[in-house]
């Protein structure tokens, strides 16, 4: 294990109502370099309170790997593309990990070079 590079790497959780919306969101985030990788975990069953009622829904969980300095842009893009009125978006900082992997995340989420 190694200390995370600067800026820190984040693992961001986001739920989607179905695989199609999860796939669209994942592809857009990686394409736009807001995420290095997005893992989709189907089969999630969520229970939550929404507008005063207890709800249950089948969802797909996205595990989004990004850098802390890309979180604001990532959150804005999720809000723009997500079908939910209030999408779940929770970021957890990686306190360590395999140094080459953390460096890869940092490289893949750098701001696009206008000359590329």
C-alpha atoms as a PDB file:
ATOM      1  CA  UNK A   1       0.000   0.000   0.000  1.00  0.00           C
ATOM      2  CA  UNK A   2       1.069   3.543  -0.637  1.00  0.00           C
ATOM      3  CA  UNK A   3      -0.042   7.025   0.284  1.00  0.00           C
ATOM      4  CA  UNK A   4      -2.407   8.499  -2.288  1.00  0.00           C
ATOM      5  CA  UNK A   5      -0.913  11.048  -4.718  1.00  0.00           C
ATOM      6  CA  UNK A   6      -1.809  14.718  -4.620  1.00  0.00           C
ATOM      7  CA  UNK A   7      -4.599  15.593  -5.388  1.00  0.00           C
ATOM      8  CA  UNK A   8      -6.245  12.699  -3.535  1.00  0.00           C
ATOM      9  CA  UNK A   9      -8.052   9.930  -5.376  1.00  0.00           C
ATOM     10  CA  UNK A  10     -11.751   9.571  -4.591  1.00  0.00           C
ATOM     11  CA  UNK A  11     -14.187   6.685  -4.835  1.00  0.00           C
ATOM     12  CA  UNK A  12     -17.577   8.226  -5.669  1.00  0.00           C
ATOM     13  CA  UNK A  13     -20.832   6.289  -5.205  1.00  0.00           C
ATOM     14  CA  UNK A  14     -23.796   7.011  -7.441  1.00  0.00           C
ATOM     15  CA  UNK A  15     -26.967   4.952  -7.944  1.00  0.00           C
ATOM     16  CA  UNK A  16     -28.905   4.728 -11.209  1.00  0.00           C
ATOM     17  CA  UNK A  17     -32.386   3.330 -11.893  1.00  0.00           C
ATOM     18  CA  UNK A  18     -31.253   0.874 -14.593  1.00  0.00           C
ATOM     19  CA  UNK A  19     -28.270  -0.466 -16.507  1.00  0.00           C
ATOM     20  CA  UNK A  20     -28.900   1.701 -19.575  1.00  0.00           C
ATOM     21  CA  UNK A  21     -28.699   4.988 -17.664  1.00  0.00           C
ATOM     22  CA  UNK A  22     -25.746   3.677 -15.636  1.00  0.00           C
ATOM     23  CA  UNK A  23     -23.889   2.739 -18.838  1.00  0.00           C
ATOM     24  CA  UNK A  24     -24.556   6.149 -20.439  1.00  0.00           C
ATOM     25  CA  UNK A  25     -23.359   7.989 -17.352  1.00  0.00           C
ATOM     26  CA  UNK A  26     -20.274   5.798 -16.949  1.00  0.00           C
ATOM     27  CA  UNK A  27     -19.240   6.228 -20.579  1.00  0.00           C
ATOM     28  CA  UNK A  28     -19.701  10.011 -20.496  1.00  0.00           C
ATOM     29  CA  UNK A  29     -17.664  10.410 -17.301  1.00  0.00           C
ATOM     30  CA  UNK A  30     -14.752   8.358 -18.662  1.00  0.00           C
ATOM     31  CA  UNK A  31     -14.932   9.951 -22.126  1.00  0.00           C
ATOM     32  CA  UNK A  32     -14.801  13.425 -20.568  1.00  0.00           C
ATOM     33  CA  UNK A  33     -11.889  12.463 -18.248  1.00  0.00           C
ATOM     34  CA  UNK A  34     -13.985  13.117 -15.171  1.00  0.00           C
ATOM     35  CA  UNK A  35     -13.447   9.485 -14.145  1.00  0.00           C
ATOM     36  CA  UNK A  36     -10.615   7.061 -14.786  1.00  0.00           C
ATOM     37  CA  UNK A  37     -12.910   4.070 -14.338  1.00  0.00           C
ATOM     38  CA  UNK A  38     -16.551   3.469 -13.471  1.00  0.00           C
ATOM     39  CA  UNK A  39     -17.573   0.046 -12.176  1.00  0.00           C
ATOM     40  CA  UNK A  40     -21.251  -0.891 -12.473  1.00  0.00           C
ATOM     41  CA  UNK A  41     -22.758  -3.151  -9.820  1.00  0.00           C
ATOM     42  CA  UNK A  42     -26.285  -4.310 -10.714  1.00  0.00           C
ATOM     43  CA  UNK A  43     -28.676  -5.999  -8.313  1.00  0.00           C
ATOM     44  CA  UNK A  44     -28.751  -3.300  -5.660  1.00  0.00           C
ATOM     45  CA  UNK A  45     -31.990  -2.924  -3.680  1.00  0.00           C
ATOM     46  CA  UNK A  46     -32.339   0.487  -2.027  1.00  0.00           C
ATOM     47  CA  UNK A  47     -34.751   1.513   0.722  1.00  0.00           C
ATOM     48  CA  UNK A  48     -35.075   5.238   1.357  1.00  0.00           C
ATOM     49  CA  UNK A  49     -37.443   7.992   2.408  1.00  0.00           C
ATOM     50  CA  UNK A  50     -38.515  10.269  -0.449  1.00  0.00           C
ATOM     51  CA  UNK A  51     -41.067  13.052  -0.047  1.00  0.00           C
ATOM     52  CA  UNK A  52     -42.369  11.583   3.202  1.00  0.00           C
ATOM     53  CA  UNK A  53     -42.816   8.015   1.935  1.00  0.00           C
ATOM     54  CA  UNK A  54     -40.629   4.931   2.405  1.00  0.00           C
ATOM     55  CA  UNK A  55     -39.631   3.758  -1.080  1.00  0.00           C
ATOM     56  CA  UNK A  56     -37.827   0.679  -2.408  1.00  0.00           C
ATOM     57  CA  UNK A  57     -36.140   0.411  -5.792  1.00  0.00           C
ATOM     58  CA  UNK A  58     -33.853  -1.850  -7.768  1.00  0.00           C
ATOM     59  CA  UNK A  59     -30.791   0.153  -8.795  1.00  0.00           C
ATOM     60  CA  UNK A  60     -27.325  -0.080 -10.293  1.00  0.00           C
ATOM     61  CA  UNK A  61     -24.476   1.246  -8.154  1.00  0.00           C
ATOM     62  CA  UNK A  62     -21.680   3.127  -9.892  1.00  0.00           C
ATOM     63  CA  UNK A  63     -18.239   3.155  -8.248  1.00  0.00           C
ATOM     64  CA  UNK A  64     -16.503   6.102  -9.872  1.00  0.00           C
ATOM     65  CA  UNK A  65     -12.734   6.567  -9.512  1.00  0.00           C
ATOM     66  CA  UNK A  66     -11.553  10.168  -9.879  1.00  0.00           C
ATOM     67  CA  UNK A  67      -9.370  12.890  -8.356  1.00  0.00           C
ATOM     68  CA  UNK A  68     -10.561  15.302  -5.692  1.00  0.00           C
ATOM     69  CA  UNK A  69      -9.948  18.302  -7.936  1.00  0.00           C
ATOM     70  CA  UNK A  70     -12.333  16.836 -10.565  1.00  0.00           C
ATOM     71  CA  UNK A  71     -15.215  16.229  -8.127  1.00  0.00           C
ATOM     72  CA  UNK A  72     -17.022  19.526  -8.707  1.00  0.00           C
ATOM     73  CA  UNK A  73     -17.047  19.054 -12.492  1.00  0.00           C
ATOM     74  CA  UNK A  74     -18.022  15.391 -12.084  1.00  0.00           C
ATOM     75  CA  UNK A  75     -20.937  16.325  -9.803  1.00  0.00           C
ATOM     76  CA  UNK A  76     -22.178  18.942 -12.269  1.00  0.00           C
ATOM     77  CA  UNK A  77     -22.045  16.407 -15.116  1.00  0.00           C
ATOM     78  CA  UNK A  78     -23.871  13.754 -13.065  1.00  0.00           C
ATOM     79  CA  UNK A  79     -26.635  16.251 -12.286  1.00  0.00           C
ATOM     80  CA  UNK A  80     -26.924  17.171 -15.971  1.00  0.00           C
ATOM     81  CA  UNK A  81     -27.110  13.563 -17.227  1.00  0.00           C
ATOM     82  CA  UNK A  82     -28.808  11.663 -14.397  1.00  0.00           C
ATOM     83  CA  UNK A  83     -32.501  10.741 -14.688  1.00  0.00           C
ATOM     84  CA  UNK A  84     -33.164  11.213 -10.940  1.00  0.00           C
ATOM     85  CA  UNK A  85     -34.337  14.567  -9.597  1.00  0.00           C
ATOM     86  CA  UNK A  86     -31.820  14.159  -6.751  1.00  0.00           C
ATOM     87  CA  UNK A  87     -29.046  11.697  -7.691  1.00  0.00           C
ATOM     88  CA  UNK A  88     -26.979  10.074  -4.975  1.00  0.00           C
ATOM     89  CA  UNK A  89     -23.390  11.294  -5.133  1.00  0.00           C
ATOM     90  CA  UNK A  90     -21.122  10.502  -2.187  1.00  0.00           C
ATOM     91  CA  UNK A  91     -17.322  10.727  -2.365  1.00  0.00           C
ATOM     92  CA  UNK A  92     -14.891   8.839  -0.120  1.00  0.00           C
ATOM     93  CA  UNK A  93     -11.178   9.652  -0.145  1.00  0.00           C
ATOM     94  CA  UNK A  94      -8.751   6.798  -0.815  1.00  0.00           C
ATOM     95  CA  UNK A  95      -6.340   6.782   2.125  1.00  0.00           C
ATOM     96  CA  UNK A  96      -3.958   4.495   0.282  1.00  0.00           C
ATOM     97  CA  UNK A  97      -3.734   1.893  -2.427  1.00  0.00           C
ATOM     98  CA  UNK A  98      -1.450   0.456  -5.056  1.00  0.00           C
ATOM     99  CA  UNK A  99       0.722   3.422  -6.080  1.00  0.00           C
ATOM    100  CA  UNK A 100       0.750   2.631  -9.832  1.00  0.00           C
ATOM    101  CA  UNK A 101      -3.061   2.345  -9.838  1.00  0.00           C
ATOM    102  CA  UNK A 102      -3.500   5.633  -7.975  1.00  0.00           C
ATOM    103  CA  UNK A 103      -1.120   7.290 -10.429  1.00  0.00           C
ATOM    104  CA  UNK A 104      -3.099   5.837 -13.343  1.00  0.00           C
ATOM    105  CA  UNK A 105      -6.312   7.347 -11.922  1.00  0.00           C
ATOM    106  CA  UNK A 106      -4.548  10.716 -11.622  1.00  0.00           C
ATOM    107  CA  UNK A 107      -3.265  10.526 -15.219  1.00  0.00           C
ATOM    108  CA  UNK A 108      -6.611   9.452 -16.707  1.00  0.00           C
ATOM    109  CA  UNK A 109      -8.518  12.271 -15.019  1.00  0.00           C
ATOM    110  CA  UNK A 110      -6.201  15.134 -15.862  1.00  0.00           C
ATOM    111  CA  UNK A 111      -7.845  18.094 -17.540  1.00  0.00           C
ATOM    112  CA  UNK A 112      -7.832  17.576 -21.303  1.00  0.00           C
ATOM    113  CA  UNK A 113      -4.940  19.194 -23.146  1.00  0.00           C
ATOM    114  CA  UNK A 114      -6.425  21.580 -25.723  1.00  0.00           C
ATOM    115  CA  UNK A 115      -3.729  20.444 -28.196  1.00  0.00           C
ATOM    116  CA  UNK A 116      -4.701  16.745 -27.979  1.00  0.00           C
END
